[in-house]
C-alpha atoms as a PDB file:
ATOM      1  CA  MET A   1       0.000   0.000   0.000  1.00  0.00           C
ATOM      2  CA  PRO A   2       1.590   3.316  -1.031  1.00  0.00           C
ATOM      3  CA  LEU A   3       0.101   5.355   1.823  1.00  0.00           C
ATOM      4  CA  THR A   4      -1.934   5.218   4.988  1.00  0.00           C
ATOM      5  CA  ILE A   5      -4.555   7.826   5.795  1.00  0.00           C
ATOM      6  CA  SER A   6      -5.435   8.349   9.439  1.00  0.00           C
ATOM      7  CA  GLN A   7      -7.147  10.894  11.659  1.00  0.00           C
ATOM      8  CA  LYS A   8      -5.087  12.341  14.513  1.00  0.00           C
ATOM      9  CA  ALA A   9      -6.772  15.021  16.628  1.00  0.00           C
ATOM     10  CA  ASP A  10      -8.047  17.604  14.128  1.00  0.00           C
ATOM     11  CA  PHE A  11      -5.604  16.571  11.388  1.00  0.00           C
ATOM     12  CA  LEU A  12      -5.923  14.057   8.603  1.00  0.00           C
ATOM     13  CA  ILE A  13      -2.507  12.548   7.926  1.00  0.00           C
ATOM     14  CA  ALA A  14      -1.517  10.910   4.658  1.00  0.00           C
ATOM     15  CA  GLU A  15       1.644   8.957   5.468  1.00  0.00           C
ATOM     16  CA  PHE A  16       3.398   7.808   2.318  1.00  0.00           C
ATOM     17  CA  ASP A  17       5.360   4.584   2.212  1.00  0.00           C
ATOM     18  CA  THR A  18       8.868   4.357   0.771  1.00  0.00           C
ATOM     19  CA  GLU A  19       7.880   4.664  -2.893  1.00  0.00           C
ATOM     20  CA  LEU A  20       5.588   6.983  -4.879  1.00  0.00           C
ATOM     21  CA  THR A  21       6.211   6.184  -8.518  1.00  0.00           C
ATOM     22  CA  ILE A  22       4.399   5.316 -11.687  1.00  0.00           C
ATOM     23  CA  PHE A  23       4.104   1.773 -10.346  1.00  0.00           C
ATOM     24  CA  ASN A  24       1.858   2.700  -7.400  1.00  0.00           C
ATOM     25  CA  VAL A  25       0.541   6.191  -8.126  1.00  0.00           C
ATOM     26  CA  ARG A  26      -2.826   4.858  -9.356  1.00  0.00           C
ATOM     27  CA  GLU A  27      -3.357   3.030  -6.066  1.00  0.00           C
ATOM     28  CA  ALA A  28      -2.315   6.130  -4.113  1.00  0.00           C
ATOM     29  CA  HIS A  29      -4.776   8.225  -6.132  1.00  0.00           C
ATOM     30  CA  ALA A  30      -7.581   5.771  -5.356  1.00  0.00           C
ATOM     31  CA  LEU A  31      -6.848   6.175  -1.635  1.00  0.00           C
ATOM     32  CA  LEU A  32      -6.424   9.953  -1.699  1.00  0.00           C
ATOM     33  CA  ALA A  33      -9.369  10.997  -3.886  1.00  0.00           C
ATOM     34  CA  PRO A  34     -12.163  10.139  -1.410  1.00  0.00           C
ATOM     35  CA  ALA A  35     -10.268  11.686   1.514  1.00  0.00           C
ATOM     36  CA  LEU A  36      -9.717  14.905  -0.397  1.00  0.00           C
ATOM     37  CA  ALA A  37     -13.315  15.104  -1.595  1.00  0.00           C
ATOM     38  CA  GLY A  38     -14.661  15.422   1.935  1.00  0.00           C
ATOM     39  CA  LEU A  39     -11.798  17.308   3.547  1.00  0.00           C
ATOM     40  CA  GLN A  40     -12.961  20.135   5.797  1.00  0.00           C
ATOM     41  CA  GLY A  41      -9.967  20.623   8.069  1.00  0.00           C
ATOM     42  CA  ARG A  42      -6.224  20.206   7.883  1.00  0.00           C
ATOM     43  CA  LEU A  43      -4.236  17.601   6.014  1.00  0.00           C
ATOM     44  CA  ILE A  44      -0.587  16.705   6.425  1.00  0.00           C
ATOM     45  CA  PHE A  45       1.199  14.896   3.608  1.00  0.00           C
ATOM     46  CA  ASP A  46       3.948  13.030   5.477  1.00  0.00           C
ATOM     47  CA  LEU A  47       6.689  12.242   2.952  1.00  0.00           C
ATOM     48  CA  THR A  48       9.532  11.692   5.396  1.00  0.00           C
ATOM     49  CA  THR A  49       9.916   7.986   4.627  1.00  0.00           C
ATOM     50  CA  LEU A  50       9.918   8.276   0.830  1.00  0.00           C
ATOM     51  CA  THR A  51      13.063   6.847  -0.669  1.00  0.00           C
ATOM     52  CA  ASP A  52      11.851   6.849  -4.293  1.00  0.00           C
ATOM     53  CA  ILE A  53       9.599   9.335  -6.069  1.00  0.00           C
ATOM     54  CA  ASP A  54       9.286  10.138  -9.759  1.00  0.00           C
ATOM     55  CA  THR A  55       7.374  12.693 -11.809  1.00  0.00           C
ATOM     56  CA  ALA A  56       4.178  10.612 -11.608  1.00  0.00           C
ATOM     57  CA  GLY A  57       4.396  10.910  -7.822  1.00  0.00           C
ATOM     58  CA  LEU A  58       4.983  14.663  -8.069  1.00  0.00           C
ATOM     59  CA  GLN A  59       1.968  14.988 -10.366  1.00  0.00           C
ATOM     60  CA  LEU A  60      -0.204  13.182  -7.845  1.00  0.00           C
ATOM     61  CA  LEU A  61       0.924  15.522  -5.060  1.00  0.00           C
ATOM     62  CA  LEU A  62       0.332  18.618  -7.195  1.00  0.00           C
ATOM     63  CA  TRP A  63      -3.105  17.328  -8.191  1.00  0.00           C
ATOM     64  CA  SER A  64      -3.912  16.575  -4.554  1.00  0.00           C
ATOM     65  CA  LEU A  65      -3.103  20.112  -3.456  1.00  0.00           C
ATOM     66  CA  GLN A  66      -5.302  21.503  -6.239  1.00  0.00           C
ATOM     67  CA  GLN A  67      -8.249  19.462  -4.920  1.00  0.00           C
ATOM     68  CA  ILE A  68      -8.181  21.105  -1.494  1.00  0.00           C
ATOM     69  CA  LYS A  69     -10.806  23.814  -1.179  1.00  0.00           C
ATOM     70  CA  THR A  70     -11.082  26.497   1.500  1.00  0.00           C
ATOM     71  CA  PRO A  71     -11.549  26.241   4.475  1.00  0.00           C
ATOM     72  CA  ALA A  72      -9.475  23.054   4.284  1.00  0.00           C
ATOM     73  CA  GLU A  73      -5.708  23.392   4.054  1.00  0.00           C
ATOM     74  CA  ALA A  74      -2.714  21.121   3.631  1.00  0.00           C
ATOM     75  CA  ILE A  75       1.003  21.060   4.281  1.00  0.00           C
ATOM     76  CA  VAL A  76       3.794  18.816   3.090  1.00  0.00           C
ATOM     77  CA  ALA A  77       6.190  17.414   5.686  1.00  0.00           C
ATOM     78  CA  SER A  78       9.533  16.027   4.552  1.00  0.00           C
ATOM     79  CA  SER A  79      13.126  16.015   5.611  1.00  0.00           C
ATOM     80  CA  GLU A  80      15.887  17.798   3.740  1.00  0.00           C
ATOM     81  CA  ASP A  81      17.738  14.573   3.008  1.00  0.00           C
ATOM     82  CA  CYS A  82      14.804  12.623   1.535  1.00  0.00           C
ATOM     83  CA  ALA A  83      14.127  11.790  -2.117  1.00  0.00           C
ATOM     84  CA  PHE A  84      11.107  14.120  -2.206  1.00  0.00           C
ATOM     85  CA  HIS A  85      13.185  17.120  -1.189  1.00  0.00           C
ATOM     86  CA  ARG A  86      15.867  16.357  -3.775  1.00  0.00           C
ATOM     87  CA  ILE A  87      13.442  15.977  -6.700  1.00  0.00           C
ATOM     88  CA  SER A  88      11.515  19.081  -5.635  1.00  0.00           C
ATOM     89  CA  GLN A  89      14.740  21.075  -5.688  1.00  0.00           C
ATOM     90  CA  SER A  90      15.603  19.681  -9.124  1.00  0.00           C
ATOM     91  CA  TYR A  91      12.302  20.968 -10.528  1.00  0.00           C
ATOM     92  CA  GLY A  92      12.265  24.181  -8.481  1.00  0.00           C
ATOM     93  CA  LEU A  93       9.038  23.228  -6.694  1.00  0.00           C
ATOM     94  CA  GLN A  94       7.996  24.757  -3.406  1.00  0.00           C
ATOM     95  CA  TRP A  95       5.383  23.170  -1.170  1.00  0.00           C
ATOM     96  CA  PRO A  96       3.222  24.543   1.653  1.00  0.00           C
ATOM     97  CA  THR A  97       4.965  23.758   4.917  1.00  0.00           C
ATOM     98  CA  GLU A  98       2.920  25.745   7.451  1.00  0.00           C
ATOM     99  CA  PHE A  99      -0.757  26.162   8.253  1.00  0.00           C
ATOM    100  CA  HIS A 100      -2.026  29.731   8.272  1.00  0.00           C
ATOM    101  CA  SER A 101      -2.934  30.732  11.800  1.00  0.00           C
ATOM    102  CA  GLY A 102      -6.114  32.617  10.883  1.00  0.00           C
ATOM    103  CA  LYS A 103      -8.044  29.686   9.426  1.00  0.00           C
ATOM    104  CA  HIS A 104      -8.736  27.295  12.309  1.00  0.00           C
END
């Protein structure tokens, strides 16, 4: 399974496994789409354990962020030495890393 979605306090957390590539992005999409459709609060994309991500994985993350409608909001959590951070730097992508204090 490419990710696990769980509720913790007032956050929904999408914890990604070690790989988000063309080989499992369809399965990840099938898990994310229903969660995003009903999202009313805050979502954390936890990418800290990713060791392999390709452009299909990046496309899924970009699509996911586009699906989030106000008042819901999302952030991306990763470490600076993970595969996600390296590929994001290569493409010059910046991700939301903080919730805005005025929303909730």
